Amino acid sequence: MALEAYFDGSHEGGWTDGKVVTLAGFAAEDSIWSDVDQRWSEILKSNKARPIAKYLHMKEAAHFLDEFTWRNGWNQKKVTGSDIRHTDVPTACG
């Protein structure tokens, strides 16, 4: 059985001497990821609660960088209250 996994980490301070390090991830069989990818794409392309996004990287969104600029329609409420942050796509597909 082949598994595909996605991980993301964050830290405060350096990776070796920082105060806080977090790591999260999801692993599943390949057949499940196609459903996850489709649902995730639908969320990113929806503009009901916030601007359309090509991808999500919270470090960029929190600081209004790259895809998540004010010019593209992003603001603090749309980042912190976004349906992107509170999605259950990975658990709903598995």
Foldseek 3Di string as FASTA:
>chain_A
DDKDKDKDKDFAPDPVPGDDIDMDMDMDDPVLVVQLVVVLQVLQCDPPLHARFPDDDLVCCVVCHDRRHVVSVHDPCCSVVPVNVVDPSRVVSD
